[in-house]
Amino acid sequence: MGYKLKTHKASAKRFKITATGKVKRRSGFSSHLRSTRNGSMQRRLGRPQLLFEGHARNIRYFLGVHGIKPNQIRHRRELAAKAKAAEAATATA
């Protein structure tokens, strides 16, 4: 009988997975003492950011979606787009 992987709930509250499998996170330094930061920094810190792929692999494992590989998804989409463009070029010729 196998062990069932449980989602790490603290990670699930802090990170979201995009459709392509990348990991989004919120910035720190944006909850209090904001008057010491200028407006451009406050706007930048308010936007979600993507996690670097090395860390994202670990977070995807915590969230139980470690089978998703964003570079593989991107590669397959590029191949499909090339095939579609080639098909459209042969259809018009």
N, C-alpha and C. Protein backbone atom coordinates (compact mmCIF):
# COMPACT_ATOMS: atom_id res chain seq x y z
N MET A 1 0.84 -1.17 0.00
CA MET A 1 0.00 0.00 0.00
C MET A 1 0.89 1.24 0.00
N GLY A 2 0.65 2.14 -0.96
CA GLY A 2 1.51 3.30 -1.12
C GLY A 2 1.12 4.45 -0.21
N TYR A 3 2.05 5.34 -0.07
CA TYR A 3 1.82 6.53 0.73
C TYR A 3 1.23 7.62 -0.14
N LYS A 4 0.20 8.29 0.35
CA LYS A 4 -0.45 9.35 -0.40
C LYS A 4 0.19 10.68 -0.03
N LEU A 5 0.68 11.40 -1.04
CA LEU A 5 1.36 12.68 -0.81
C LEU A 5 0.34 13.73 -0.42
N LYS A 6 0.60 14.44 0.67
CA LYS A 6 -0.30 15.49 1.13
C LYS A 6 0.26 16.84 0.72
N THR A 7 -0.64 17.76 0.41
CA THR A 7 -0.26 19.11 0.03
C THR A 7 0.27 19.85 1.25
N HIS A 8 1.36 20.59 1.06
CA HIS A 8 1.90 21.43 2.12
C HIS A 8 1.06 22.69 2.18
N LYS A 9 0.22 22.84 3.19
CA LYS A 9 -0.81 23.88 3.23
C LYS A 9 -0.22 25.28 3.30
N ALA A 10 0.90 25.47 3.98
CA ALA A 10 1.51 26.80 4.04
C ALA A 10 1.97 27.24 2.65
N SER A 11 2.50 26.30 1.87
CA SER A 11 2.92 26.63 0.50
C SER A 11 1.71 26.88 -0.39
N ALA A 12 0.64 26.14 -0.18
CA ALA A 12 -0.56 26.30 -1.00
C ALA A 12 -1.17 27.68 -0.81
N LYS A 13 -1.01 28.26 0.37
CA LYS A 13 -1.56 29.59 0.63
C LYS A 13 -0.70 30.69 0.04
N ARG A 14 0.59 30.41 -0.17
CA ARG A 14 1.51 31.45 -0.61
C ARG A 14 1.84 31.42 -2.09
N PHE A 15 1.62 30.29 -2.75
CA PHE A 15 2.02 30.14 -4.15
C PHE A 15 0.85 29.67 -4.98
N LYS A 16 0.84 30.08 -6.26
CA LYS A 16 -0.17 29.62 -7.20
C LYS A 16 0.56 29.07 -8.43
N ILE A 17 -0.04 28.09 -9.08
CA ILE A 17 0.52 27.49 -10.28
C ILE A 17 -0.20 28.08 -11.49
N THR A 18 0.56 28.55 -12.48
CA THR A 18 -0.05 29.08 -13.70
C THR A 18 -0.45 27.93 -14.61
N ALA A 19 -1.09 28.26 -15.72
CA ALA A 19 -1.54 27.23 -16.65
C ALA A 19 -0.38 26.47 -17.28
N THR A 20 0.77 27.13 -17.41
CA THR A 20 1.92 26.46 -18.00
C THR A 20 2.78 25.77 -16.96
N GLY A 21 2.42 25.87 -15.68
CA GLY A 21 3.17 25.18 -14.64
C GLY A 21 4.18 26.04 -13.92
N LYS A 22 4.24 27.34 -14.25
CA LYS A 22 5.15 28.22 -13.52
C LYS A 22 4.53 28.55 -12.17
N VAL A 23 5.37 29.01 -11.24
CA VAL A 23 4.91 29.28 -9.89
C VAL A 23 4.92 30.78 -9.64
N LYS A 24 3.75 31.33 -9.25
CA LYS A 24 3.63 32.74 -8.93
C LYS A 24 3.75 32.92 -7.43
N ARG A 25 4.33 34.05 -7.02
CA ARG A 25 4.46 34.37 -5.61
C ARG A 25 4.19 35.85 -5.40
N ARG A 26 3.93 36.23 -4.17
CA ARG A 26 3.78 37.64 -3.81
C ARG A 26 5.09 38.13 -3.21
N SER A 27 5.33 39.43 -3.32
CA SER A 27 6.55 40.00 -2.77
C SER A 27 6.42 40.24 -1.29
N GLY A 28 7.54 40.21 -0.62
CA GLY A 28 7.59 40.64 0.77
C GLY A 28 7.75 42.15 0.82
N PHE A 29 7.96 42.70 1.99
CA PHE A 29 8.18 44.14 2.20
C PHE A 29 7.01 44.98 1.73
N SER A 30 5.79 44.46 1.81
CA SER A 30 4.66 45.24 1.31
C SER A 30 3.51 45.30 2.31
N SER A 31 3.73 44.94 3.57
CA SER A 31 2.61 44.92 4.50
C SER A 31 2.60 46.13 5.43
N HIS A 32 3.75 46.54 5.94
CA HIS A 32 3.77 47.70 6.82
C HIS A 32 5.07 48.46 6.61
N LEU A 33 5.16 49.66 7.20
CA LEU A 33 6.29 50.58 7.00
C LEU A 33 6.46 50.92 5.52
N ARG A 34 5.35 51.12 4.85
CA ARG A 34 5.41 51.40 3.41
C ARG A 34 5.80 52.85 3.14
N SER A 35 5.70 53.73 4.12
CA SER A 35 6.01 55.14 3.88
C SER A 35 7.50 55.34 3.62
N THR A 36 8.34 54.38 3.97
CA THR A 36 9.77 54.52 3.73
C THR A 36 10.13 54.16 2.29
N ARG A 37 9.18 53.57 1.55
CA ARG A 37 9.46 53.16 0.17
C ARG A 37 8.79 54.12 -0.79
N ASN A 38 9.45 54.39 -1.92
CA ASN A 38 8.87 55.31 -2.88
C ASN A 38 7.74 54.62 -3.66
N GLY A 39 7.01 55.40 -4.44
CA GLY A 39 5.83 54.89 -5.12
C GLY A 39 6.13 53.81 -6.13
N SER A 40 7.23 53.97 -6.87
CA SER A 40 7.55 52.96 -7.89
C SER A 40 7.87 51.62 -7.24
N MET A 41 8.55 51.64 -6.10
CA MET A 41 8.85 50.39 -5.42
C MET A 41 7.57 49.76 -4.88
N GLN A 42 6.66 50.57 -4.35
CA GLN A 42 5.42 50.03 -3.82
C GLN A 42 4.59 49.39 -4.93
N ARG A 43 4.57 50.02 -6.11
CA ARG A 43 3.83 49.43 -7.23
C ARG A 43 4.48 48.11 -7.67
N ARG A 44 5.80 48.09 -7.72
CA ARG A 44 6.51 46.88 -8.14
C ARG A 44 6.29 45.75 -7.14
N LEU A 45 6.31 46.07 -5.85
CA LEU A 45 6.12 45.04 -4.83
C LEU A 45 4.68 44.54 -4.80
N GLY A 46 3.73 45.32 -5.32
CA GLY A 46 2.34 44.90 -5.33
C GLY A 46 2.02 43.88 -6.40
N ARG A 47 2.88 43.78 -7.40
CA ARG A 47 2.63 42.85 -8.51
C ARG A 47 3.14 41.44 -8.16
N PRO A 48 2.42 40.42 -8.61
CA PRO A 48 2.94 39.07 -8.39
C PRO A 48 4.17 38.81 -9.27
N GLN A 49 5.04 37.95 -8.81
CA GLN A 49 6.27 37.63 -9.53
C GLN A 49 6.36 36.13 -9.74
N LEU A 50 7.14 35.74 -10.75
CA LEU A 50 7.37 34.32 -11.01
C LEU A 50 8.59 33.86 -10.22
N LEU A 51 8.50 32.66 -9.71
CA LEU A 51 9.58 32.07 -8.94
C LEU A 51 10.61 31.49 -9.91
N PHE A 52 11.88 31.52 -9.54
CA PHE A 52 12.91 30.92 -10.36
C PHE A 52 12.68 29.41 -10.45
N GLU A 53 13.06 28.85 -11.57
CA GLU A 53 12.70 27.45 -11.85
C GLU A 53 13.31 26.47 -10.86
N GLY A 54 14.51 26.74 -10.35
CA GLY A 54 15.12 25.84 -9.37
C GLY A 54 14.29 25.74 -8.10
N HIS A 55 13.80 26.89 -7.61
CA HIS A 55 12.95 26.89 -6.42
C HIS A 55 11.55 26.39 -6.76
N ALA A 56 11.10 26.67 -7.98
CA ALA A 56 9.74 26.31 -8.38
C ALA A 56 9.56 24.79 -8.38
N ARG A 57 10.60 24.05 -8.72
CA ARG A 57 10.50 22.58 -8.69
C ARG A 57 10.16 22.09 -7.29
N ASN A 58 10.82 22.68 -6.28
CA ASN A 58 10.55 22.28 -4.89
C ASN A 58 9.12 22.64 -4.49
N ILE A 59 8.66 23.81 -4.87
CA ILE A 59 7.32 24.25 -4.49
C ILE A 59 6.28 23.39 -5.18
N ARG A 60 6.50 23.05 -6.46
CA ARG A 60 5.55 22.17 -7.15
C ARG A 60 5.46 20.82 -6.45
N TYR A 61 6.58 20.34 -5.92
CA TYR A 61 6.55 19.08 -5.17
C TYR A 61 5.71 19.25 -3.90
N PHE A 62 5.86 20.37 -3.19
CA PHE A 62 5.06 20.62 -1.99
C PHE A 62 3.58 20.67 -2.32
N LEU A 63 3.25 21.22 -3.50
CA LEU A 63 1.85 21.38 -3.87
C LEU A 63 1.27 20.13 -4.52
N GLY A 64 2.10 19.13 -4.76
CA GLY A 64 1.61 17.88 -5.30
C GLY A 64 1.42 17.89 -6.81
N VAL A 65 2.06 18.83 -7.52
CA VAL A 65 1.94 18.89 -8.98
C VAL A 65 3.32 18.80 -9.62
N HIS A 66 4.18 17.94 -9.06
CA HIS A 66 5.56 17.89 -9.52
C HIS A 66 5.71 17.24 -10.89
N GLY A 67 4.63 16.72 -11.48
CA GLY A 67 4.71 16.16 -12.82
C GLY A 67 4.67 17.22 -13.91
N ILE A 68 4.30 18.46 -13.56
CA ILE A 68 4.21 19.54 -14.54
C ILE A 68 5.59 20.13 -14.74
N LYS A 69 6.00 20.25 -16.00
CA LYS A 69 7.30 20.82 -16.33
C LYS A 69 7.08 21.96 -17.32
N PRO A 70 7.25 23.23 -16.89
CA PRO A 70 6.92 24.35 -17.76
C PRO A 70 7.76 24.43 -19.02
N ASN A 71 9.03 24.07 -18.94
CA ASN A 71 9.87 24.12 -20.14
C ASN A 71 9.40 23.10 -21.17
N GLN A 72 8.94 21.94 -20.70
CA GLN A 72 8.43 20.92 -21.60
C GLN A 72 7.12 21.38 -22.25
N ILE A 73 6.25 22.03 -21.48
CA ILE A 73 5.00 22.56 -22.02
C ILE A 73 5.29 23.64 -23.06
N ARG A 74 6.24 24.55 -22.76
CA ARG A 74 6.61 25.60 -23.71
C ARG A 74 7.15 25.01 -25.00
N HIS A 75 8.00 23.99 -24.87
CA HIS A 75 8.60 23.35 -26.04
C HIS A 75 7.52 22.71 -26.92
N ARG A 76 6.58 22.01 -26.30
CA ARG A 76 5.51 21.37 -27.07
C ARG A 76 4.63 22.38 -27.77
N ARG A 77 4.37 23.50 -27.11
CA ARG A 77 3.56 24.56 -27.74
C ARG A 77 4.30 25.18 -28.91
N GLU A 78 5.61 25.38 -28.79
CA GLU A 78 6.40 25.92 -29.90
C GLU A 78 6.38 24.96 -31.08
N LEU A 79 6.54 23.66 -30.83
CA LEU A 79 6.49 22.67 -31.91
C LEU A 79 5.13 22.66 -32.59
N ALA A 80 4.07 22.77 -31.81
CA ALA A 80 2.72 22.79 -32.38
C ALA A 80 2.51 24.03 -33.23
N ALA A 81 3.03 25.18 -32.79
CA ALA A 81 2.90 26.42 -33.56
C ALA A 81 3.68 26.33 -34.87
N LYS A 82 4.87 25.74 -34.83
CA LYS A 82 5.66 25.57 -36.05
C LYS A 82 4.95 24.64 -37.03
N ALA A 83 4.39 23.57 -36.51
CA ALA A 83 3.67 22.62 -37.37
C ALA A 83 2.45 23.29 -37.99
N LYS A 84 1.75 24.10 -37.22
CA LYS A 84 0.57 24.79 -37.73
C LYS A 84 0.96 25.81 -38.79
N ALA A 85 2.07 26.52 -38.59
CA ALA A 85 2.54 27.49 -39.57
C ALA A 85 2.98 26.79 -40.85
N ALA A 86 3.65 25.66 -40.70
CA ALA A 86 4.08 24.91 -41.88
C ALA A 86 2.87 24.36 -42.65
N GLU A 87 1.86 23.92 -41.93
CA GLU A 87 0.65 23.41 -42.56
C GLU A 87 -0.09 24.51 -43.30
N ALA A 88 -0.12 25.71 -42.71
CA ALA A 88 -0.79 26.85 -43.35
C ALA A 88 0.00 27.28 -44.59
N ALA A 89 1.32 27.20 -44.54
CA ALA A 89 2.14 27.57 -45.69
C ALA A 89 1.96 26.61 -46.84
N THR A 90 1.84 25.33 -46.56
CA THR A 90 1.65 24.34 -47.63
C THR A 90 0.22 24.41 -48.19
N ALA A 91 -0.73 24.80 -47.36
CA ALA A 91 -2.11 24.91 -47.83
C ALA A 91 -2.30 26.08 -48.78
N THR A 92 -1.58 27.17 -48.55
CA THR A 92 -1.70 28.34 -49.41
C THR A 92 -0.88 28.20 -50.68
N ALA A 93 0.14 27.37 -50.66
CA ALA A 93 1.01 27.22 -51.84
C ALA A 93 0.45 26.26 -52.88
